Amino acid sequence: MNGFITAKKGFILVEVMVVVTLLALVFGAIFSLYFFGVNSFVRGTVRTDIQQNVRVAASYIIQEIRFANSLKVLNEGVEGSPGNEIEYTKPGDPSNRKYKIKRNIKNEVVLLTITGSLTSSNIIAYGMSELSFERGLEHTLEFALTGTEGGQDFRVQGAIRPRNL
């Protein structure tokens, strides 16, 4: 033999370990950013759903109460605490139906239509953790709605002055 050492072609173990570590860091950062984006999207969607449900319920309450003939706040607590249910009638209703808006045990805002001994219900909005009504000054009805989902809350307060009272 000539005494020359021939060079071997390939990678040594330290080089492979460095490359694997760098790739793991890069992929970890990419997945972290991806999951952060997905989580932000889900939270935004949940927040949008809550806001939409609360706004729909508030709009419906305003629309219904604005033209009510009679209006009664039910289940008022002691010392003027707000009630959690209202009962009203509508003008021009030949069957003299009574209507109630309240929050049920499933956290849904529900419209109940009462005709004699028959009661029907329609769900107005989901995910409501609070619904309260209180008589305000100058024949107004003040209300507050809070929607909760996924640990996020959205609250709307308003006041209505019925035109027919």
Protein backbone atom coordinates (compact mmCIF):
# COMPACT_ATOMS: atom_id res chain seq x y z
CA MET A 1 0.00 0.00 0.00
CA ASN A 2 1.17 3.50 -0.72
CA GLY A 3 0.58 4.89 2.76
CA PHE A 4 -2.21 7.18 1.61
CA ILE A 5 -5.44 7.20 3.57
CA THR A 6 -8.38 7.39 1.31
CA ALA A 7 -11.12 9.89 2.28
CA LYS A 8 -14.47 8.35 3.09
CA LYS A 9 -17.52 10.05 1.66
CA GLY A 10 -20.54 10.67 3.97
CA PHE A 11 -21.67 12.58 7.07
CA ILE A 12 -20.43 12.17 10.57
CA LEU A 13 -22.85 11.68 13.44
CA VAL A 14 -22.46 15.24 14.81
CA GLU A 15 -23.46 16.77 11.47
CA VAL A 16 -26.57 14.60 11.27
CA MET A 17 -27.56 15.51 14.85
CA VAL A 18 -27.17 19.25 14.13
CA VAL A 19 -29.32 19.03 11.00
CA VAL A 20 -32.04 17.02 12.79
CA THR A 21 -32.09 19.53 15.69
CA LEU A 22 -32.37 22.50 13.31
CA LEU A 23 -35.17 20.82 11.35
CA ALA A 24 -37.03 20.04 14.60
CA LEU A 25 -36.79 23.70 15.66
CA VAL A 26 -38.01 24.96 12.28
CA PHE A 27 -40.96 22.52 12.15
CA GLY A 28 -41.81 23.28 15.79
CA ALA A 29 -42.00 26.99 15.00
CA ILE A 30 -44.13 26.36 11.90
CA PHE A 31 -46.60 24.14 13.78
CA SER A 32 -46.74 26.61 16.66
CA LEU A 33 -47.69 29.42 14.29
CA TYR A 34 -50.22 27.21 12.54
CA PHE A 35 -51.97 26.19 15.77
CA PHE A 36 -51.93 29.79 17.00
CA GLY A 37 -53.69 30.85 13.79
CA VAL A 38 -56.27 28.07 14.04
CA ASN A 39 -56.95 28.90 17.71
CA SER A 40 -57.36 32.60 16.90
CA PHE A 41 -59.78 31.76 14.10
CA VAL A 42 -61.89 29.55 16.39
CA ARG A 43 -62.00 32.20 19.13
CA GLY A 44 -63.02 34.83 16.58
CA THR A 45 -65.77 32.59 15.24
CA VAL A 46 -67.09 31.92 18.74
CA ARG A 47 -67.06 35.64 19.54
CA THR A 48 -68.90 36.43 16.31
CA ASP A 49 -71.56 33.80 17.07
CA ILE A 50 -72.12 35.21 20.56
CA GLN A 51 -72.39 38.76 19.30
CA GLN A 52 -74.78 37.76 16.54
CA ASN A 53 -77.05 35.81 18.92
CA VAL A 54 -77.18 38.67 21.43
CA ARG A 55 -77.89 41.25 18.72
CA VAL A 56 -80.63 39.13 17.16
CA ALA A 57 -82.31 38.68 20.55
CA ALA A 58 -82.01 42.40 21.37
CA SER A 59 -83.38 43.40 17.98
CA TYR A 60 -86.30 41.00 18.34
CA ILE A 61 -87.15 42.29 21.83
CA ILE A 62 -87.08 45.90 20.62
CA GLN A 63 -89.26 45.09 17.60
CA GLU A 64 -91.83 43.18 19.65
CA ILE A 65 -92.10 45.59 22.59
CA ARG A 66 -92.19 48.79 20.55
CA PHE A 67 -95.81 48.17 19.49
CA ALA A 68 -97.09 46.29 22.56
CA ASN A 69 -100.53 47.20 23.98
CA SER A 70 -99.84 46.02 27.50
CA LEU A 71 -96.58 45.17 29.17
CA LYS A 72 -95.79 43.42 32.42
CA VAL A 73 -92.36 42.62 33.90
CA LEU A 74 -92.58 39.23 35.63
CA ASN A 75 -90.45 37.59 38.33
CA GLU A 76 -89.12 40.84 39.72
CA GLY A 77 -86.99 40.31 42.79
CA VAL A 78 -86.92 42.16 46.07
CA GLU A 79 -85.92 45.81 46.37
CA GLY A 80 -86.46 46.62 42.70
CA SER A 81 -84.14 44.02 41.22
CA PRO A 82 -84.93 43.37 37.56
CA GLY A 83 -87.26 40.64 36.36
CA ASN A 84 -86.24 37.90 33.96
CA GLU A 85 -89.44 37.65 31.93
CA ILE A 86 -91.94 39.97 30.24
CA GLU A 87 -95.53 39.43 29.18
CA TYR A 88 -97.26 41.60 26.58
CA THR A 89 -100.09 41.78 24.08
CA LYS A 90 -100.03 43.07 20.51
CA PRO A 91 -102.49 45.51 18.91
CA GLY A 92 -104.98 44.15 16.43
CA ASP A 93 -104.66 40.55 17.62
CA PRO A 94 -108.24 39.16 17.34
CA SER A 95 -107.51 36.06 19.44
CA ASN A 96 -106.21 38.10 22.42
CA ARG A 97 -103.00 36.11 22.66
CA LYS A 98 -100.42 36.85 25.30
CA TYR A 99 -96.74 36.72 24.52
CA LYS A 100 -93.83 36.11 26.87
CA ILE A 101 -90.12 36.54 26.32
CA LYS A 102 -87.85 34.77 28.79
CA ARG A 103 -84.66 32.73 29.15
CA ASN A 104 -85.15 29.01 29.67
CA ILE A 105 -82.95 26.50 31.50
CA LYS A 106 -81.03 25.71 28.30
CA ASN A 107 -79.86 29.36 28.12
CA GLU A 108 -82.08 30.10 25.15
CA VAL A 109 -84.15 33.26 24.79
CA VAL A 110 -87.64 31.99 23.99
CA LEU A 111 -90.84 33.60 22.75
CA LEU A 112 -93.92 31.91 24.21
CA THR A 113 -97.28 32.45 22.52
CA ILE A 114 -100.23 31.75 24.79
CA THR A 115 -103.69 31.26 23.29
CA GLY A 116 -106.13 30.16 25.96
CA SER A 117 -104.70 26.95 27.36
CA LEU A 118 -102.33 26.35 24.41
CA THR A 119 -98.72 27.48 24.56
CA SER A 120 -96.22 27.38 21.74
CA SER A 121 -92.58 28.39 21.90
CA ASN A 122 -90.04 29.68 19.42
CA ILE A 123 -86.33 29.98 20.13
CA ILE A 124 -85.01 33.46 19.42
CA ALA A 125 -81.33 33.04 20.39
CA TYR A 126 -78.94 30.54 21.98
CA GLY A 127 -76.21 30.89 24.59
CA MET A 128 -77.77 33.61 26.76
CA SER A 129 -76.46 33.56 30.32
CA GLU A 130 -78.51 36.56 31.45
CA LEU A 131 -81.77 38.23 30.45
CA SER A 132 -83.26 40.93 32.64
CA PHE A 133 -86.06 43.48 32.31
CA GLU A 134 -86.80 46.54 34.40
CA ARG A 135 -89.28 49.40 34.18
CA GLY A 136 -87.45 52.63 33.54
CA LEU A 137 -88.42 56.26 33.72
CA GLU A 138 -91.13 57.73 31.47
CA HIS A 139 -92.72 54.39 30.52
CA THR A 140 -89.56 52.79 29.20
CA LEU A 141 -88.52 49.17 29.48
CA GLU A 142 -84.82 48.61 30.11
CA PHE A 143 -83.31 45.26 29.25
CA ALA A 144 -79.92 43.56 29.44
CA LEU A 145 -78.74 40.48 27.56
CA THR A 146 -75.50 38.61 28.10
CA GLY A 147 -74.34 35.83 25.83
CA THR A 148 -71.68 33.38 26.97
CA GLU A 149 -69.87 30.71 25.02
CA GLY A 150 -66.41 29.23 25.37
CA GLY A 151 -65.58 31.50 28.30
CA GLN A 152 -66.33 34.66 26.31
CA ASP A 153 -69.11 37.10 27.24
CA PHE A 154 -70.90 39.74 25.19
CA ARG A 155 -73.43 42.09 26.81
CA VAL A 156 -76.02 44.40 25.29
CA GLN A 157 -78.21 46.82 27.22
CA GLY A 158 -81.05 48.85 25.83
CA ALA A 159 -84.20 50.77 26.59
CA ILE A 160 -87.48 50.74 24.70
CA ARG A 161 -90.38 53.14 24.90
CA PRO A 162 -93.50 51.30 23.69
CA ARG A 163 -95.62 53.54 21.45
CA ASN A 164 -99.02 52.22 22.54
CA LEU A 165 -98.67 52.57 26.32
